[in-house]
Structure formats: C-alpha cells, structure tokens
PDB file of N, CA and C in Angstrom:
ATOM      1  N   MET A   1     187.205  52.116 119.187  1.00  0.00           N
ATOM      2  CA  MET A   1     185.851  51.075 118.532  1.00  0.00           C
ATOM      3  C   MET A   1     186.326  49.890 118.774  1.00  0.00           C
ATOM      4  N   SER A   2     185.275  49.515 119.490  1.00  0.00           N
ATOM      5  CA  SER A   2     185.422  47.910 119.726  1.00  0.00           C
ATOM      6  C   SER A   2     184.547  47.133 118.931  1.00  0.00           C
ATOM      7  N   HIS A   3     185.151  45.942 118.509  1.00  0.00           N
ATOM      8  CA  HIS A   3     184.377  44.770 117.661  1.00  0.00           C
ATOM      9  C   HIS A   3     184.348  43.518 118.248  1.00  0.00           C
ATOM     10  N   VAL A   4     183.002  43.231 118.277  1.00  0.00           N
ATOM     11  CA  VAL A   4     182.780  41.796 118.950  1.00  0.00           C
ATOM     12  C   VAL A   4     182.575  40.761 117.921  1.00  0.00           C
ATOM     13  N   THR A   5     183.226  39.587 118.130  1.00  0.00           N
ATOM     14  CA  THR A   5     183.200  38.533 117.405  1.00  0.00           C
ATOM     15  C   THR A   5     182.700  37.365 117.924  1.00  0.00           C
ATOM     16  N   THR A   6     181.626  36.795 117.609  1.00  0.00           N
ATOM     17  CA  THR A   6     181.099  35.709 118.218  1.00  0.00           C
ATOM     18  C   THR A   6     181.721  34.603 117.352  1.00  0.00           C
ATOM     19  N   GLN A   7     181.763  33.485 118.079  1.00  0.00           N
ATOM     20  CA  GLN A   7     182.232  32.065 117.800  1.00  0.00           C
ATOM     21  C   GLN A   7     181.228  30.909 118.246  1.00  0.00           C
ATOM     22  N   ASN A   8     181.147  30.135 117.387  1.00  0.00           N
ATOM     23  CA  ASN A   8     180.545  28.860 117.688  1.00  0.00           C
ATOM     24  C   ASN A   8     181.417  27.661 118.746  1.00  0.00           C
ATOM     25  N   ALA A   9     181.921  28.393 119.599  1.00  0.00           N
ATOM     26  CA  ALA A   9     182.992  27.559 120.404  1.00  0.00           C
ATOM     27  C   ALA A   9     182.190  26.960 121.645  1.00  0.00           C
ATOM     28  N   ILE A  10     182.156  25.351 121.587  1.00  0.00           N
ATOM     29  CA  ILE A  10     182.067  24.677 122.775  1.00  0.00           C
ATOM     30  C   ILE A  10     182.896  23.563 122.880  1.00  0.00           C
ATOM     31  N   VAL A  11     183.303  23.476 124.061  1.00  0.00           N
ATOM     32  CA  VAL A  11     184.551  22.423 124.371  1.00  0.00           C
ATOM     33  C   VAL A  11     183.998  21.473 124.966  1.00  0.00           C
ATOM     34  N   GLY A  12     184.223  20.282 124.407  1.00  0.00           N
ATOM     35  CA  GLY A  12     183.733  18.969 125.154  1.00  0.00           C
ATOM     36  C   GLY A  12     184.197  17.688 124.405  1.00  0.00           C
ATOM     37  N   GLU A  13     183.681  16.611 124.750  1.00  0.00           N
ATOM     38  CA  GLU A  13     183.800  15.446 124.181  1.00  0.00           C
ATOM     39  C   GLU A  13     182.992  15.726 122.746  1.00  0.00           C
ATOM     40  N   PRO A  14     183.188  15.456 121.722  1.00  0.00           N
ATOM     41  CA  PRO A  14     182.740  15.561 120.553  1.00  0.00           C
ATOM     42  C   PRO A  14     181.188  15.206 120.304  1.00  0.00           C
ATOM     43  N   GLU A  15     180.927  14.031 120.830  1.00  0.00           N
ATOM     44  CA  GLU A  15     179.452  13.480 120.538  1.00  0.00           C
ATOM     45  C   GLU A  15     178.668  14.443 121.534  1.00  0.00           C
ATOM     46  N   VAL A  16     179.028  14.847 122.767  1.00  0.00           N
ATOM     47  CA  VAL A  16     178.417  15.845 123.417  1.00  0.00           C
ATOM     48  C   VAL A  16     178.009  17.042 122.867  1.00  0.00           C
ATOM     49  N   VAL A  17     179.199  17.717 122.441  1.00  0.00           N
ATOM     50  CA  VAL A  17     179.067  18.711 121.674  1.00  0.00           C
ATOM     51  C   VAL A  17     178.232  18.847 120.531  1.00  0.00           C
ATOM     52  N   GLU A  18     178.127  17.817 119.776  1.00  0.00           N
ATOM     53  CA  GLU A  18     177.303  17.850 118.666  1.00  0.00           C
ATOM     54  C   GLU A  18     175.738  17.664 118.955  1.00  0.00           C
ATOM     55  N   ASP A  19     175.444  16.870 120.082  1.00  0.00           N
ATOM     56  CA  ASP A  19     174.163  17.012 120.667  1.00  0.00           C
ATOM     57  C   ASP A  19     173.654  18.088 120.998  1.00  0.00           C
ATOM     58  N   LEU A  20     174.851  18.766 121.931  1.00  0.00           N
ATOM     59  CA  LEU A  20     174.566  20.198 122.849  1.00  0.00           C
ATOM     60  C   LEU A  20     174.038  21.227 121.695  1.00  0.00           C
ATOM     61  N   VAL A  21     174.555  21.383 120.460  1.00  0.00           N
ATOM     62  CA  VAL A  21     174.700  22.469 119.653  1.00  0.00           C
ATOM     63  C   VAL A  21     173.266  22.604 119.143  1.00  0.00           C
ATOM     64  N   SER A  22     172.546  21.274 118.814  1.00  0.00           N
ATOM     65  CA  SER A  22     171.367  21.200 118.145  1.00  0.00           C
ATOM     66  C   SER A  22     170.339  21.134 119.451  1.00  0.00           C
ATOM     67  N   ALA A  23     170.732  20.964 120.706  1.00  0.00           N
ATOM     68  CA  ALA A  23     169.551  20.756 121.636  1.00  0.00           C
ATOM     69  C   ALA A  23     168.577  22.254 121.887  1.00  0.00           C
ATOM     70  N   PRO A  24     167.621  21.868 122.006  1.00  0.00           N
ATOM     71  CA  PRO A  24     166.708  23.069 122.093  1.00  0.00           C
ATOM     72  C   PRO A  24     167.047  24.160 123.409  1.00  0.00           C
ATOM     73  N   ALA A  25     167.497  23.567 124.148  1.00  0.00           N
ATOM     74  CA  ALA A  25     167.722  24.374 125.331  1.00  0.00           C
ATOM     75  C   ALA A  25     169.087  25.244 125.276  1.00  0.00           C
ATOM     76  N   TRP A  26     169.997  24.730 124.358  1.00  0.00           N
ATOM     77  CA  TRP A  26     170.940  25.441 123.881  1.00  0.00           C
ATOM     78  C   TRP A  26     170.617  26.689 123.070  1.00  0.00           C
ATOM     79  N   VAL A  27     169.958  26.118 122.042  1.00  0.00           N
ATOM     80  CA  VAL A  27     169.405  27.196 121.111  1.00  0.00           C
ATOM     81  C   VAL A  27     168.836  28.259 121.536  1.00  0.00           C
ATOM     82  N   SER A  28     167.994  28.208 122.627  1.00  0.00           N
ATOM     83  CA  SER A  28     167.143  29.102 123.144  1.00  0.00           C
ATOM     84  C   SER A  28     167.823  29.850 124.024  1.00  0.00           C
ATOM     85  N   LEU A  29     168.801  29.484 124.883  1.00  0.00           N
ATOM     86  CA  LEU A  29     169.866  29.781 125.742  1.00  0.00           C
ATOM     87  C   LEU A  29     170.547  30.978 124.693  1.00  0.00           C
ATOM     88  N   LYS A  30     171.330  30.367 123.465  1.00  0.00           N
ATOM     89  CA  LYS A  30     171.900  31.532 122.706  1.00  0.00           C
ATOM     90  C   LYS A  30     171.382  32.536 122.298  1.00  0.00           C
ATOM     91  N   GLU A  31     169.740  32.245 121.600  1.00  0.00           N
ATOM     92  CA  GLU A  31     169.165  33.303 121.065  1.00  0.00           C
ATOM     93  C   GLU A  31     168.686  34.240 122.001  1.00  0.00           C
ATOM     94  N   ALA A  32     168.209  33.979 123.138  1.00  0.00           N
ATOM     95  CA  ALA A  32     168.011  34.810 124.214  1.00  0.00           C
ATOM     96  C   ALA A  32     169.022  35.619 124.767  1.00  0.00           C
ATOM     97  N   ALA A  33     170.068  35.038 124.824  1.00  0.00           N
ATOM     98  CA  ALA A  33     171.436  35.937 125.518  1.00  0.00           C
ATOM     99  C   ALA A  33     171.932  36.760 124.085  1.00  0.00           C
ATOM    100  N   GLU A  34     171.691  36.441 123.005  1.00  0.00           N
ATOM    101  CA  GLU A  34     171.935  37.411 121.788  1.00  0.00           C
ATOM    102  C   GLU A  34     170.993  38.703 121.770  1.00  0.00           C
ATOM    103  N   GLU A  35     169.665  38.278 122.101  1.00  0.00           N
ATOM    104  CA  GLU A  35     168.697  39.411 121.867  1.00  0.00           C
ATOM    105  C   GLU A  35     168.825  40.358 123.203  1.00  0.00           C
ATOM    106  N   PHE A  36     169.079  39.736 124.203  1.00  0.00           N
ATOM    107  CA  PHE A  36     169.149  40.357 125.443  1.00  0.00           C
ATOM    108  C   PHE A  36     170.540  41.576 125.243  1.00  0.00           C
ATOM    109  N   ARG A  37     171.260  40.912 124.739  1.00  0.00           N
ATOM    110  CA  ARG A  37     172.621  41.984 124.454  1.00  0.00           C
ATOM    111  C   ARG A  37     172.496  42.875 123.530  1.00  0.00           C
ATOM    112  N   LEU A  38     171.502  42.951 122.651  1.00  0.00           N
ATOM    113  CA  LEU A  38     171.144  43.892 121.861  1.00  0.00           C
ATOM    114  C   LEU A  38     170.201  45.081 122.711  1.00  0.00           C
ATOM    115  N   LEU A  39     169.580  44.638 123.668  1.00  0.00           N
ATOM    116  CA  LEU A  39     168.746  45.517 124.613  1.00  0.00           C
ATOM    117  C   LEU A  39     169.862  46.435 125.198  1.00  0.00           C
ATOM    118  N   GLN A  40     170.955  45.910 125.725  1.00  0.00           N
ATOM    119  CA  GLN A  40     171.725  46.609 126.494  1.00  0.00           C
ATOM    120  C   GLN A  40     172.582  47.656 125.864  1.00  0.00           C
ATOM    121  N   VAL A  41     172.922  48.747 126.675  1.00  0.00           N
ATOM    122  CA  VAL A  41     174.074  49.786 126.206  1.00  0.00           C
ATOM    123  C   VAL A  41     175.320  49.300 126.737  1.00  0.00           C
ATOM    124  N   LYS A  42     176.221  49.935 126.246  1.00  0.00           N
ATOM    125  CA  LYS A  42     177.737  49.698 126.653  1.00  0.00           C
ATOM    126  C   LYS A  42     178.053  49.106 127.847  1.00  0.00           C
ATOM    127  N   ASP A  43     177.567  50.156 128.953  1.00  0.00           N
ATOM    128  CA  ASP A  43     177.877  49.439 130.410  1.00  0.00           C
ATOM    129  C   ASP A  43     177.065  48.581 130.990  1.00  0.00           C
ATOM    130  N   GLY A  44     176.265  47.712 130.032  1.00  0.00           N
ATOM    131  CA  GLY A  44     175.399  46.544 130.328  1.00  0.00           C
ATOM    132  C   GLY A  44     174.113  46.925 130.888  1.00  0.00           C
ATOM    133  N   SER A  45     173.953  48.212 131.073  1.00  0.00           N
ATOM    134  CA  SER A  45     172.455  48.522 131.667  1.00  0.00           C
ATOM    135  C   SER A  45     171.405  48.474 130.344  1.00  0.00           C
ATOM    136  N   LEU A  46     170.045  48.610 131.061  1.00  0.00           N
ATOM    137  CA  LEU A  46     168.833  48.413 130.031  1.00  0.00           C
ATOM    138  C   LEU A  46     168.265  49.649 130.255  1.00  0.00           C
ATOM    139  N   PRO A  47     168.505  50.825 129.823  1.00  0.00           N
ATOM    140  CA  PRO A  47     168.123  52.169 130.205  1.00  0.00           C
ATOM    141  C   PRO A  47     166.727  52.517 129.332  1.00  0.00           C
ATOM    142  N   ASN A  48     166.362  51.656 128.472  1.00  0.00           N
ATOM    143  CA  ASN A  48     165.095  52.102 127.866  1.00  0.00           C
ATOM    144  C   ASN A  48     164.114  51.157 128.787  1.00  0.00           C
ATOM    145  N   GLU A  49     163.047  51.861 129.707  1.00  0.00           N
ATOM    146  CA  GLU A  49     162.163  51.150 130.195  1.00  0.00           C
ATOM    147  C   GLU A  49     161.201  50.176 129.285  1.00  0.00           C
ATOM    148  N   ALA A  50     160.823  50.631 128.033  1.00  0.00           N
ATOM    149  CA  ALA A  50     160.260  49.981 127.226  1.00  0.00           C
ATOM    150  C   ALA A  50     160.496  48.642 127.024  1.00  0.00           C
ATOM    151  N   ASP A  51     162.145  48.260 126.930  1.00  0.00           N
ATOM    152  CA  ASP A  51     162.583  46.956 126.735  1.00  0.00           C
ATOM    153  C   ASP A  51     162.611  46.132 128.291  1.00  0.00           C
ATOM    154  N   HIS A  52     162.228  46.516 129.143  1.00  0.00           N
ATOM    155  CA  HIS A  52     162.048  45.655 130.500  1.00  0.00           C
ATOM    156  C   HIS A  52     161.408  44.761 130.502  1.00  0.00           C
ATOM    157  N   ALA A  53     160.272  44.843 130.325  1.00  0.00           N
ATOM    158  CA  ALA A  53     159.503  43.692 130.013  1.00  0.00           C
ATOM    159  C   ALA A  53     160.073  42.384 128.983  1.00  0.00           C
ATOM    160  N   ARG A  54     160.391  42.895 128.280  1.00  0.00           N
ATOM    161  CA  ARG A  54     161.103  41.895 127.142  1.00  0.00           C
ATOM    162  C   ARG A  54     162.361  41.527 127.762  1.00  0.00           C
ATOM    163  N   ALA A  55     163.066  42.373 128.460  1.00  0.00           N
ATOM    164  CA  ALA A  55     164.492  41.625 129.252  1.00  0.00           C
ATOM    165  C   ALA A  55     163.727  40.806 130.065  1.00  0.00           C
ATOM    166  N   ARG A  56     163.105  40.748 130.958  1.00  0.00           N
ATOM    167  CA  ARG A  56     162.696  39.884 131.909  1.00  0.00           C
ATOM    168  C   ARG A  56     162.302  38.604 131.275  1.00  0.00           C
ATOM    169  N   GLU A  57     161.649  38.603 130.288  1.00  0.00           N
ATOM    170  CA  GLU A  57     161.219  37.367 129.370  1.00  0.00           C
ATOM    171  C   GLU A  57     162.538  36.609 129.123  1.00  0.00           C
ATOM    172  N   LEU A  58     163.277  37.288 128.400  1.00  0.00           N
ATOM    173  CA  LEU A  58     164.692  36.793 127.978  1.00  0.00           C
ATOM    174  C   LEU A  58     165.542  36.036 129.086  1.00  0.00           C
ATOM    175  N   ILE A  59     165.733  36.928 130.270  1.00  0.00           N
ATOM    176  CA  ILE A  59     166.443  36.295 131.502  1.00  0.00           C
ATOM    177  C   ILE A  59     165.538  35.057 131.897  1.00  0.00           C
ATOM    178  N   ALA A  60     164.361  35.014 131.922  1.00  0.00           N
ATOM    179  CA  ALA A  60     163.747  33.762 132.141  1.00  0.00           C
ATOM    180  C   ALA A  60     163.971  32.437 131.458  1.00  0.00           C
ATOM    181  N   THR A  61     164.006  32.785 130.208  1.00  0.00           N
ATOM    182  CA  THR A  61     164.509  31.910 128.877  1.00  0.00           C
ATOM    183  C   THR A  61     165.771  31.519 129.319  1.00  0.00           C
ATOM    184  N   ILE A  62     166.744  32.541 129.674  1.00  0.00           N
ATOM    185  CA  ILE A  62     168.048  32.315 129.881  1.00  0.00           C
ATOM    186  C   ILE A  62     168.444  31.321 130.872  1.00  0.00           C
ATOM    187  N   THR A  63     167.626  31.487 132.233  1.00  0.00           N
ATOM    188  CA  THR A  63     167.583  30.774 133.344  1.00  0.00           C
ATOM    189  C   THR A  63     167.032  29.471 133.342  1.00  0.00           C
ATOM    190  N   ASP A  64     166.254  29.151 132.445  1.00  0.00           N
ATOM    191  CA  ASP A  64     165.624  27.913 132.396  1.00  0.00           C
ATOM    192  C   ASP A  64     166.115  27.064 131.513  1.00  0.00           C
ATOM    193  N   SER A  65     166.741  27.817 130.482  1.00  0.00           N
ATOM    194  CA  SER A  65     167.793  26.969 129.571  1.00  0.00           C
ATOM    195  C   SER A  65     168.886  26.522 130.386  1.00  0.00           C
ATOM    196  N   ILE A  66     169.586  27.151 131.195  1.00  0.00           N
ATOM    197  CA  ILE A  66     170.881  26.942 131.937  1.00  0.00           C
ATOM    198  C   ILE A  66     170.463  25.931 132.820  1.00  0.00           C
ATOM    199  N   ARG A  67     169.071  26.101 133.437  1.00  0.00           N
ATOM    200  CA  ARG A  67     168.868  24.607 134.496  1.00  0.00           C
ATOM    201  C   ARG A  67     168.608  23.420 133.551  1.00  0.00           C
ATOM    202  N   SER A  68     168.109  23.581 132.347  1.00  0.00           N
ATOM    203  CA  SER A  68     168.079  22.348 131.414  1.00  0.00           C
ATOM    204  C   SER A  68     169.305  21.704 131.207  1.00  0.00           C
ATOM    205  N   LEU A  69     170.193  22.759 130.832  1.00  0.00           N
ATOM    206  CA  LEU A  69     171.529  22.070 130.448  1.00  0.00           C
ATOM    207  C   LEU A  69     172.300  21.583 131.687  1.00  0.00           C
ATOM    208  N   SER A  70     172.151  21.905 132.965  1.00  0.00           N
ATOM    209  CA  SER A  70     173.018  21.478 133.931  1.00  0.00           C
ATOM    210  C   SER A  70     173.476  20.334 134.187  1.00  0.00           C
ATOM    211  N   ASP A  71     172.685  19.270 133.633  1.00  0.00           N
ATOM    212  CA  ASP A  71     173.333  18.044 133.557  1.00  0.00           C
ATOM    213  C   ASP A  71     174.420  17.879 132.742  1.00  0.00           C
ATOM    214  N   VAL A  72     174.592  18.599 131.778  1.00  0.00           N
ATOM    215  CA  VAL A  72     175.505  18.559 130.696  1.00  0.00           C
ATOM    216  C   VAL A  72     176.639  18.967 131.237  1.00  0.00           C
ATOM    217  N   PHE A  73     176.669  19.770 131.968  1.00  0.00           N
ATOM    218  CA  PHE A  73     178.089  20.252 132.776  1.00  0.00           C
ATOM    219  C   PHE A  73     177.947  19.998 134.089  1.00  0.00           C
ATOM    220  N   PRO A  74     178.232  18.972 134.763  1.00  0.00           N
ATOM    221  CA  PRO A  74     178.042  18.783 136.234  1.00  0.00           C
ATOM    222  C   PRO A  74     179.235  19.439 137.072  1.00  0.00           C
ATOM    223  N   HIS A  75     180.148  19.537 136.244  1.00  0.00           N
ATOM    224  CA  HIS A  75     181.322  20.165 137.120  1.00  0.00           C
ATOM    225  C   HIS A  75     181.111  21.788 137.417  1.00  0.00           C
ATOM    226  N   ASP A  76     179.875  22.450 136.547  1.00  0.00           N
ATOM    227  CA  ASP A  76     179.748  23.609 137.025  1.00  0.00           C
ATOM    228  C   ASP A  76     178.311  23.801 137.792  1.00  0.00           C
ATOM    229  N   SER A  77     177.757  22.587 138.280  1.00  0.00           N
ATOM    230  CA  SER A  77     176.489  22.624 138.930  1.00  0.00           C
ATOM    231  C   SER A  77     176.409  23.637 139.915  1.00  0.00           C
ATOM    232  N   ALA A  78     177.288  23.962 140.860  1.00  0.00           N
ATOM    233  CA  ALA A  78     177.117  24.762 141.860  1.00  0.00           C
ATOM    234  C   ALA A  78     176.934  26.308 141.456  1.00  0.00           C
ATOM    235  N   TYR A  79     177.737  26.516 140.339  1.00  0.00           N
ATOM    236  CA  TYR A  79     177.627  27.961 139.570  1.00  0.00           C
ATOM    237  C   TYR A  79     176.086  28.037 139.159  1.00  0.00           C
ATOM    238  N   HIS A  80     175.642  26.997 138.308  1.00  0.00           N
ATOM    239  CA  HIS A  80     174.284  26.948 137.595  1.00  0.00           C
ATOM    240  C   HIS A  80     173.053  26.987 138.788  1.00  0.00           C
ATOM    241  N   ALA A  81     173.533  26.647 139.819  1.00  0.00           N
ATOM    242  CA  ALA A  81     172.459  26.852 141.006  1.00  0.00           C
ATOM    243  C   ALA A  81     172.376  28.287 141.497  1.00  0.00           C
ATOM    244  N   ALA A  82     173.558  29.028 141.392  1.00  0.00           N
ATOM    245  CA  ALA A  82     173.519  30.216 142.138  1.00  0.00           C
ATOM    246  C   ALA A  82     172.770  31.469 141.202  1.00  0.00           C
TER     247      ALA A  82
END
C-alpha cells in the first residue's frame, strides 16, 4: 500500500516564497495539478474517456500557470519552455 503525503514546500528567498504561495498562478497550478492527479489511475493514465475533456482543461491551466510563473524561476526557463 502506498501513501501520498503532500507538503507546502517551496524553496527560495523568504519574500519570494511568501509572494508565490498566494500568487493566483501558483494557486491555479496547484489546484489543477491536484485535480488532474485524481483523474489518473496508478500508472498515470486516464482510462475514463468521460474525464478527457476535463483533463485537457486542467492541462491548459497547468501550462498557462507555469508560463505565468516562469519569471520567478529563471534558472528553469528552458525546462518551462519545453
């Protein structure tokens, strides 16, 4: 049996972290990722076709949120652009 533990862990300068945690893009990213995870089965797939439309919406939200946050993480800009 596996157990998933979530943490509110963001590493960085304290003032940046404080701003990031409440940033709308961060909140949207976190909420969309958590909801998407609930649609997935253990192997990461989405076998229920009824969930596919919602999954696409969530991925769009995740992608947009990452783009919005990329200035906060300039050291990862190439990764975010990929």
